[in-house]
Protein backbone atom coordinates (compact mmCIF):
# COMPACT_ATOMS: atom_id res chain seq x y z
CA MET A 1 -65.53 -165.70 54.85
CA GLN A 2 -63.79 -163.67 57.54
CA GLU A 3 -60.05 -163.21 57.04
CA VAL A 4 -58.02 -164.63 59.94
CA PRO A 5 -55.19 -162.34 61.05
CA SER A 6 -51.63 -163.56 61.36
CA PHE A 7 -50.44 -164.32 64.89
CA LEU A 8 -47.02 -163.91 66.45
CA ASN A 9 -46.61 -166.29 69.39
CA VAL A 10 -43.71 -164.80 71.36
CA SER A 11 -41.66 -167.11 73.62
CA TRP A 12 -39.77 -166.24 76.79
CA ASP A 13 -36.54 -166.74 74.80
CA ASP A 14 -37.82 -164.16 72.30
CA ILE A 15 -38.53 -161.75 75.16
CA ASP A 16 -35.00 -162.26 76.47
CA GLU A 17 -33.48 -161.51 73.05
CA LEU A 18 -35.76 -158.52 72.36
CA SER A 19 -35.03 -157.03 75.79
CA LEU A 20 -31.28 -157.45 75.36
CA SER A 21 -31.49 -155.83 71.92
CA LEU A 22 -33.39 -152.90 73.44
CA ALA A 23 -30.82 -152.54 76.23
CA GLU A 24 -27.99 -152.49 73.68
CA ARG A 25 -29.75 -149.79 71.64
CA ILE A 26 -30.35 -147.67 74.74
CA ILE A 27 -26.71 -147.97 75.84
CA SER A 28 -25.32 -147.24 72.36
CA SER A 29 -27.48 -144.09 72.17
CA GLY A 30 -25.79 -142.72 75.28
CA PHE A 31 -29.00 -142.52 77.29
CA LYS A 32 -28.61 -143.62 80.92
CA PRO A 33 -31.96 -143.79 82.75
CA ASP A 34 -32.16 -143.00 86.47
CA ALA A 35 -35.63 -144.57 86.64
CA ILE A 36 -37.74 -146.93 84.56
CA VAL A 37 -41.53 -146.74 84.43
CA GLY A 38 -43.50 -149.64 82.95
CA ILE A 39 -46.96 -149.15 81.47
CA MET A 40 -49.28 -151.62 83.21
CA ARG A 41 -49.92 -154.39 82.49
CA GLY A 42 -48.00 -155.38 79.38
CA GLY A 43 -45.04 -153.08 79.89
CA TRP A 44 -44.36 -154.13 83.46
CA ILE A 45 -42.39 -157.28 82.64
CA PRO A 46 -40.16 -155.72 79.95
CA ALA A 47 -39.59 -152.76 82.30
CA ARG A 48 -38.41 -155.13 85.05
CA ILE A 49 -36.09 -156.95 82.64
CA LEU A 50 -34.63 -153.67 81.35
CA ALA A 51 -34.12 -152.41 84.91
CA ASP A 52 -32.05 -155.54 85.55
CA LEU A 53 -30.07 -155.32 82.29
CA LEU A 54 -29.38 -151.59 82.64
CA GLY A 55 -28.72 -151.69 86.40
CA VAL A 56 -31.49 -149.20 87.23
CA ASP A 57 -32.72 -149.27 90.85
CA ILE A 58 -35.84 -147.10 90.55
CA LEU A 59 -38.63 -149.11 88.95
CA ASP A 60 -42.21 -147.88 88.93
CA ALA A 61 -45.45 -148.29 87.01
CA ILE A 62 -48.16 -146.23 85.39
CA GLU A 63 -51.59 -147.69 84.63
CA ILE A 64 -53.69 -146.50 81.74
CA LYS A 65 -57.20 -147.77 81.00
CA PHE A 66 -59.34 -147.49 77.92
CA TYR A 67 -62.87 -147.20 79.26
CA ARG A 68 -65.49 -148.50 76.86
CA GLY A 69 -69.18 -147.95 76.59
CA ILE A 70 -71.38 -150.24 74.55
CA GLY A 71 -70.00 -150.25 71.02
CA GLU A 72 -67.48 -147.48 71.63
CA THR A 73 -63.96 -146.81 72.88
CA ARG A 74 -62.93 -143.59 74.57
CA GLU A 75 -60.85 -141.50 72.23
CA LYS A 76 -58.32 -140.84 74.97
CA PRO A 77 -57.13 -143.37 77.55
CA VAL A 78 -57.19 -142.40 81.23
CA VAL A 79 -54.35 -142.65 83.78
CA THR A 80 -55.72 -144.70 86.68
CA ARG A 81 -52.45 -145.12 88.60
CA PRO A 82 -49.62 -142.59 88.29
CA PRO A 83 -46.02 -143.47 89.23
CA LEU A 84 -45.35 -143.10 92.95
CA SER A 85 -41.58 -142.46 92.74
CA ASP A 86 -40.02 -139.01 92.80
CA LEU A 87 -39.04 -138.53 89.16
CA ARG A 88 -38.18 -134.83 89.37
CA ASP A 89 -34.97 -133.98 87.46
CA LYS A 90 -34.40 -137.65 86.60
CA SER A 91 -33.83 -139.33 83.25
CA VAL A 92 -36.82 -141.65 82.82
CA LEU A 93 -37.26 -144.59 80.48
CA LEU A 94 -40.94 -145.34 79.81
CA VAL A 95 -41.49 -148.96 78.72
CA ASP A 96 -44.39 -150.83 77.12
CA ASP A 97 -44.66 -154.19 75.38
CA VAL A 98 -46.01 -152.82 72.08
CA SER A 99 -46.88 -149.51 70.50
CA ASP A 100 -50.03 -150.42 68.56
CA THR A 101 -52.10 -147.25 68.20
CA GLY A 102 -49.53 -145.32 70.23
CA LYS A 103 -52.21 -143.74 72.43
CA SER A 104 -51.00 -145.34 75.67
CA LEU A 105 -47.42 -144.14 75.11
CA SER A 106 -48.59 -140.65 74.26
CA VAL A 107 -50.81 -140.34 77.34
CA ALA A 108 -48.14 -141.84 79.61
CA VAL A 109 -45.52 -139.37 78.38
CA SER A 110 -47.92 -136.47 79.00
CA ALA A 111 -48.55 -137.76 82.54
CA LEU A 112 -44.83 -138.17 83.26
CA VAL A 113 -44.02 -134.63 82.05
CA LEU A 114 -46.16 -133.31 84.93
CA LEU A 115 -43.81 -135.04 87.41
CA GLY A 116 -40.84 -132.89 86.28
CA PRO A 117 -38.28 -135.36 84.93
CA ALA A 118 -35.18 -133.95 83.20
CA ARG A 119 -35.82 -136.14 80.16
CA ILE A 120 -38.09 -138.96 79.03
CA ARG A 121 -37.29 -141.66 76.49
CA THR A 122 -39.69 -144.40 75.38
CA ALA A 123 -39.04 -148.06 74.58
CA THR A 124 -41.18 -150.96 73.40
CA LEU A 125 -40.46 -154.53 72.41
CA TYR A 126 -42.60 -154.19 69.28
CA ILE A 127 -44.11 -151.43 67.18
CA LYS A 128 -46.97 -151.71 64.72
CA PRO A 129 -46.35 -149.87 61.41
CA TRP A 130 -49.51 -147.77 61.91
CA SER A 131 -48.63 -146.55 65.41
CA MET A 132 -49.10 -142.78 65.74
CA SER A 133 -46.34 -142.71 68.39
CA VAL A 134 -42.92 -144.07 67.45
CA PRO A 135 -40.86 -144.98 70.54
CA ASP A 136 -37.29 -143.77 70.87
CA TYR A 137 -36.24 -147.41 71.05
CA TYR A 138 -37.96 -150.56 69.81
CA ALA A 139 -36.70 -154.04 69.05
CA ALA A 140 -38.98 -155.23 66.22
CA SER A 141 -41.91 -154.26 64.01
CA THR A 142 -44.87 -156.48 63.14
CA GLU A 143 -48.38 -156.29 61.73
CA SER A 144 -49.34 -159.56 63.45
CA TRP A 145 -51.54 -160.03 66.49
CA ILE A 146 -48.87 -160.49 69.19
CA ILE A 147 -49.30 -163.14 71.87
CA PHE A 148 -46.96 -162.46 74.78
CA PRO A 149 -46.09 -165.33 77.14
CA TRP A 150 -47.60 -163.49 80.12
CA GLU A 151 -51.08 -163.20 78.58
CA LYS A 152 -51.87 -166.70 77.32
CA GLY A 153 -54.91 -167.18 79.57
CA GLU A 154 -56.37 -163.87 78.44
CA ILE A 155 -55.69 -164.64 74.77
CA LEU A 156 -57.18 -168.12 75.02
CA GLY A 157 -60.36 -166.61 76.44
CA GLU A 158 -60.62 -164.26 73.46
CA ILE A 159 -59.69 -167.03 71.01
CA ALA A 160 -62.44 -169.32 72.30
CA GLU A 161 -65.09 -166.79 71.24
CA TYR A 162 -63.26 -165.78 68.05
CA ALA A 163 -62.74 -169.38 66.83
CA SER A 164 -66.38 -170.22 67.52
CA LYS A 165 -67.48 -167.27 65.33
CA LEU A 166 -65.33 -168.71 62.54
CA GLY A 167 -66.90 -172.14 63.05
CA GLU A 168 -63.61 -173.63 64.23
CA ASP A 169 -62.83 -175.69 67.30
CA PRO A 170 -61.10 -173.36 69.81
CA LEU A 171 -58.58 -176.00 70.88
CA ASP A 172 -57.60 -176.80 67.29
CA PHE A 173 -57.42 -173.07 66.54
CA ALA A 174 -55.05 -172.48 69.47
CA VAL A 175 -52.85 -175.43 68.48
CA HIS A 176 -52.75 -175.05 64.70
CA ARG A 177 -53.03 -171.29 64.20
CA LEU A 178 -51.30 -170.01 67.35
CA GLY A 179 -48.72 -172.76 67.78
CA PHE A 180 -49.70 -173.60 71.36
CA GLN A 181 -49.06 -177.07 72.75
CA ARG A 182 -52.34 -179.01 73.08
CA GLU A 183 -51.79 -180.14 76.68
CA HIS A 184 -50.65 -176.67 77.69
CA VAL A 185 -53.85 -175.15 76.28
CA LYS A 186 -55.95 -177.68 78.16
CA ARG A 187 -54.14 -176.97 81.44
CA ILE A 188 -54.50 -173.19 81.04
CA SER A 189 -58.17 -173.70 80.16
CA ARG A 190 -58.78 -175.67 83.35
CA VAL A 191 -56.99 -173.12 85.51
CA ARG A 192 -58.75 -170.19 83.85
CA GLY A 193 -62.14 -171.92 83.69
CA LEU A 194 -62.37 -171.80 79.89
CA GLU A 195 -64.24 -174.17 77.62
CA ILE A 196 -61.29 -175.17 75.42
CA ILE A 197 -61.00 -178.81 76.42
CA ASP A 198 -61.32 -181.98 74.37
CA ASN A 199 -64.39 -184.09 75.06
């Protein structure tokens, strides 16, 4: 029987607390960013929250994609959208939601270096213990599969297929294993066009 991973269903209140904790760590370290760059898509929301908490006006994004062929993942992610702001001689805070493998952070830092900032610091809400890139600042560590509140539709789509492979009802899986509210799952399913609805 396939082992089911543990899940961490993160609430908006959790995001608020994690972001505030990150902001406090950044301030106490003495680092004052002139600009914040969020790694799309997961890092964009924490980047926006940190820009607000730290009073930083320059907010930008960098997009990195992992292109996959059949049965393979590229060893190195590719920058598909660089930041558009002038970051030369600025102190830049690079933000993502989680450092899992650490590849996205590493590639993003390399891309930012080419733009000539005075210094770059990295921050994530979570870090996985096996990440090859440890951010300068992070709020928490977990081995669990993280479910952020801004990706529930995406996760439910993946869960539908995953639960079916385990021989479980996707709706029950989402409710009992992920801690989602039944009616909320059904509403997201309808909006997203998923097959996770009671008969």
